N, C-alpha and C. Protein backbone atom coordinates (compact mmCIF):
# COMPACT_ATOMS: atom_id res chain seq x y z
N UNK A 1 139.54 140.75 110.11
CA UNK A 1 139.34 141.79 111.08
C UNK A 1 139.86 141.34 112.44
N UNK A 2 140.53 142.22 113.16
CA UNK A 2 141.09 141.85 114.45
C UNK A 2 140.09 142.05 115.58
N UNK A 3 140.34 141.34 116.66
CA UNK A 3 139.51 141.43 117.86
C UNK A 3 140.40 141.81 119.03
N UNK A 4 139.79 142.46 120.00
CA UNK A 4 140.49 142.79 121.24
C UNK A 4 139.54 142.52 122.40
N UNK A 5 140.10 142.03 123.48
CA UNK A 5 139.32 141.78 124.69
C UNK A 5 139.80 142.74 125.76
N UNK A 6 138.85 143.37 126.43
CA UNK A 6 139.18 144.29 127.52
C UNK A 6 138.58 143.80 128.82
N UNK A 7 139.35 143.91 129.90
CA UNK A 7 138.87 143.52 131.22
C UNK A 7 138.96 144.72 132.14
N UNK A 8 137.83 145.08 132.71
CA UNK A 8 137.79 146.14 133.72
C UNK A 8 137.77 145.44 135.07
N UNK A 9 138.94 145.33 135.69
CA UNK A 9 139.05 144.70 137.00
C UNK A 9 138.73 145.74 138.06
N UNK A 10 137.51 145.72 138.52
CA UNK A 10 137.07 146.69 139.51
C UNK A 10 137.24 146.15 140.92
N UNK A 11 137.25 147.05 141.89
CA UNK A 11 137.37 146.65 143.28
C UNK A 11 136.16 145.84 143.72
N UNK A 12 134.98 146.23 143.28
CA UNK A 12 133.74 145.55 143.67
C UNK A 12 133.25 144.61 142.58
N UNK A 13 133.24 145.05 141.34
CA UNK A 13 132.76 144.25 140.21
C UNK A 13 133.73 144.34 139.05
N UNK A 14 133.72 143.33 138.20
CA UNK A 14 134.54 143.32 137.00
C UNK A 14 133.66 143.13 135.77
N UNK A 15 134.16 143.60 134.62
CA UNK A 15 133.42 143.52 133.36
C UNK A 15 134.40 143.09 132.26
N UNK A 16 133.92 142.25 131.35
CA UNK A 16 134.73 141.83 130.20
C UNK A 16 133.98 142.24 128.94
N UNK A 17 134.73 142.79 127.97
CA UNK A 17 134.13 143.20 126.70
C UNK A 17 135.05 142.78 125.56
N UNK A 18 134.46 142.59 124.40
CA UNK A 18 135.22 142.29 123.19
C UNK A 18 134.96 143.40 122.18
N UNK A 19 136.01 143.78 121.46
CA UNK A 19 135.90 144.81 120.43
C UNK A 19 136.07 144.11 119.08
N UNK A 20 134.99 144.09 118.31
CA UNK A 20 135.01 143.47 116.98
C UNK A 20 134.44 144.44 115.98
N UNK A 21 135.15 144.67 114.91
CA UNK A 21 134.67 145.57 113.88
C UNK A 21 134.43 146.98 114.39
N UNK A 22 135.20 147.39 115.39
CA UNK A 22 135.07 148.72 115.94
C UNK A 22 133.93 148.89 116.94
N UNK A 23 133.20 147.80 117.22
CA UNK A 23 132.06 147.87 118.14
C UNK A 23 132.35 147.06 119.41
N UNK A 24 132.27 147.70 120.57
CA UNK A 24 132.47 146.96 121.82
C UNK A 24 131.19 146.24 122.24
N UNK A 25 131.36 145.03 122.76
CA UNK A 25 130.23 144.25 123.27
C UNK A 25 130.62 143.68 124.63
N UNK A 26 129.83 144.00 125.65
CA UNK A 26 130.08 143.46 126.98
C UNK A 26 129.60 142.01 126.99
N UNK A 27 130.42 141.13 127.54
CA UNK A 27 130.11 139.71 127.60
C UNK A 27 129.41 139.40 128.92
N UNK A 28 128.26 138.77 128.84
CA UNK A 28 127.53 138.38 130.05
C UNK A 28 128.21 137.17 130.69
N UNK A 29 128.10 137.09 132.02
CA UNK A 29 128.67 135.96 132.74
C UNK A 29 127.71 134.77 132.71
N UNK A 30 128.04 133.71 133.43
CA UNK A 30 127.22 132.49 133.43
C UNK A 30 125.81 132.73 133.96
N UNK A 31 125.65 133.73 134.82
CA UNK A 31 124.32 134.05 135.37
C UNK A 31 123.54 135.00 134.47
N UNK A 32 124.17 135.47 133.39
CA UNK A 32 123.51 136.38 132.47
C UNK A 32 123.69 137.85 132.78
N UNK A 33 124.52 138.16 133.78
CA UNK A 33 124.75 139.56 134.17
C UNK A 33 125.97 140.12 133.44
N UNK A 34 125.98 141.43 133.25
CA UNK A 34 127.08 142.10 132.56
C UNK A 34 128.23 142.43 133.50
N UNK A 35 127.99 142.40 134.79
CA UNK A 35 129.05 142.62 135.77
C UNK A 35 129.17 141.38 136.65
N UNK A 36 130.39 141.12 137.12
CA UNK A 36 130.66 139.97 137.97
C UNK A 36 131.35 140.46 139.23
N UNK A 37 130.87 140.08 140.41
CA UNK A 37 131.56 140.48 141.63
C UNK A 37 133.03 140.03 141.59
N UNK A 38 133.93 140.91 142.00
CA UNK A 38 135.37 140.61 142.00
C UNK A 38 135.73 139.84 143.26
N UNK A 39 135.22 138.62 143.35
CA UNK A 39 135.41 137.77 144.52
C UNK A 39 135.76 136.36 144.06
N UNK A 40 136.72 135.75 144.76
CA UNK A 40 137.11 134.36 144.52
C UNK A 40 137.07 133.64 145.85
N UNK A 41 136.61 132.39 145.84
CA UNK A 41 136.58 131.59 147.06
C UNK A 41 137.01 130.17 146.76
N UNK A 42 137.45 129.48 147.79
CA UNK A 42 137.87 128.09 147.69
C UNK A 42 137.08 127.28 148.71
N UNK A 43 136.44 126.21 148.26
CA UNK A 43 135.69 125.37 149.18
C UNK A 43 136.67 124.44 149.90
N UNK A 44 136.19 123.78 150.94
CA UNK A 44 137.02 122.81 151.67
C UNK A 44 137.42 121.64 150.77
N UNK A 45 136.62 121.38 149.73
CA UNK A 45 136.92 120.30 148.79
C UNK A 45 137.88 120.74 147.69
N UNK A 46 138.31 122.02 147.70
CA UNK A 46 139.25 122.52 146.71
C UNK A 46 138.61 123.11 145.47
N UNK A 47 137.29 123.21 145.44
CA UNK A 47 136.61 123.82 144.30
C UNK A 47 136.83 125.33 144.32
N UNK A 48 137.04 125.92 143.14
CA UNK A 48 137.22 127.36 143.03
C UNK A 48 135.88 127.98 142.63
N UNK A 49 135.45 128.98 143.39
CA UNK A 49 134.20 129.69 143.11
C UNK A 49 134.54 131.13 142.75
N UNK A 50 133.82 131.71 141.79
CA UNK A 50 134.05 133.09 141.40
C UNK A 50 132.73 133.83 141.28
N UNK A 51 132.80 135.15 141.37
CA UNK A 51 131.63 135.99 141.13
C UNK A 51 130.53 135.81 142.14
N UNK A 52 129.28 135.75 141.64
CA UNK A 52 128.10 135.65 142.50
C UNK A 52 128.15 134.43 143.41
N UNK A 53 128.61 133.31 142.89
CA UNK A 53 128.68 132.09 143.69
C UNK A 53 129.61 132.29 144.88
N UNK A 54 130.76 132.90 144.65
CA UNK A 54 131.70 133.17 145.74
C UNK A 54 131.12 134.19 146.72
N UNK A 55 130.44 135.18 146.20
CA UNK A 55 129.85 136.22 147.05
C UNK A 55 128.77 135.65 147.96
N UNK A 56 127.95 134.74 147.44
CA UNK A 56 126.85 134.16 148.23
C UNK A 56 127.35 133.36 149.43
N UNK A 57 128.51 132.76 149.34
CA UNK A 57 129.00 131.94 150.43
C UNK A 57 130.05 132.64 151.29
N UNK A 58 130.32 133.90 151.01
CA UNK A 58 131.40 134.63 151.70
C UNK A 58 131.22 134.69 153.22
N UNK A 59 130.00 134.83 153.69
CA UNK A 59 129.76 134.95 155.13
C UNK A 59 130.05 133.64 155.86
N UNK A 60 129.76 132.53 155.22
CA UNK A 60 129.96 131.23 155.86
C UNK A 60 131.33 130.62 155.57
N UNK A 61 132.12 131.27 154.72
CA UNK A 61 133.43 130.75 154.33
C UNK A 61 134.46 131.89 154.30
N UNK A 62 134.48 132.67 155.35
CA UNK A 62 135.30 133.89 155.40
C UNK A 62 136.78 133.61 155.18
N UNK A 63 137.30 132.56 155.80
CA UNK A 63 138.74 132.26 155.72
C UNK A 63 139.20 131.80 154.34
N UNK A 64 138.26 131.43 153.48
CA UNK A 64 138.62 130.93 152.15
C UNK A 64 138.06 131.80 151.03
N UNK A 65 137.70 133.04 151.37
CA UNK A 65 137.13 133.96 150.39
C UNK A 65 138.02 135.19 150.26
N UNK A 66 138.27 135.59 149.02
CA UNK A 66 139.14 136.73 148.73
C UNK A 66 138.32 137.79 148.00
N UNK A 67 138.33 139.01 148.54
CA UNK A 67 137.62 140.14 147.92
C UNK A 67 138.47 141.39 148.07
N UNK A 68 138.19 142.40 147.29
CA UNK A 68 138.90 143.69 147.34
C UNK A 68 140.40 143.53 147.13
N UNK A 69 140.79 142.59 146.29
CA UNK A 69 142.20 142.34 146.00
C UNK A 69 142.85 143.52 145.30
N UNK A 70 142.08 144.23 144.49
CA UNK A 70 142.63 145.33 143.70
C UNK A 70 143.34 146.36 144.59
N UNK A 71 142.83 146.55 145.79
CA UNK A 71 143.44 147.53 146.71
C UNK A 71 144.85 147.14 147.13
N UNK A 72 145.17 145.85 147.02
CA UNK A 72 146.48 145.37 147.46
C UNK A 72 147.44 145.09 146.30
N UNK A 73 146.98 145.23 145.08
CA UNK A 73 147.84 144.97 143.93
C UNK A 73 148.99 145.97 143.91
N UNK A 74 150.18 145.45 143.70
CA UNK A 74 151.35 146.30 143.64
C UNK A 74 151.98 146.59 144.99
N UNK A 75 151.45 146.00 146.05
CA UNK A 75 152.03 146.18 147.38
C UNK A 75 152.69 144.87 147.81
N UNK A 76 153.50 144.96 148.83
CA UNK A 76 154.17 143.75 149.35
C UNK A 76 153.31 143.00 150.29
């Protein structure tokens, strides 16, 4: 039986699901949530943060946090 993975890249949140045997199943993230904030951040040490972790530090790390990227996709 074949499998397919779908990614809903949202402006605010993203969701990943797998289709197996004709049934879709949303995959929970590391925190156990079905949606993940569409945010990526980089620490001064070079660590990459995604989702909730990136969102929590966005105010104190503004210059190294990327959000709302979907709005700019396909533009120069």
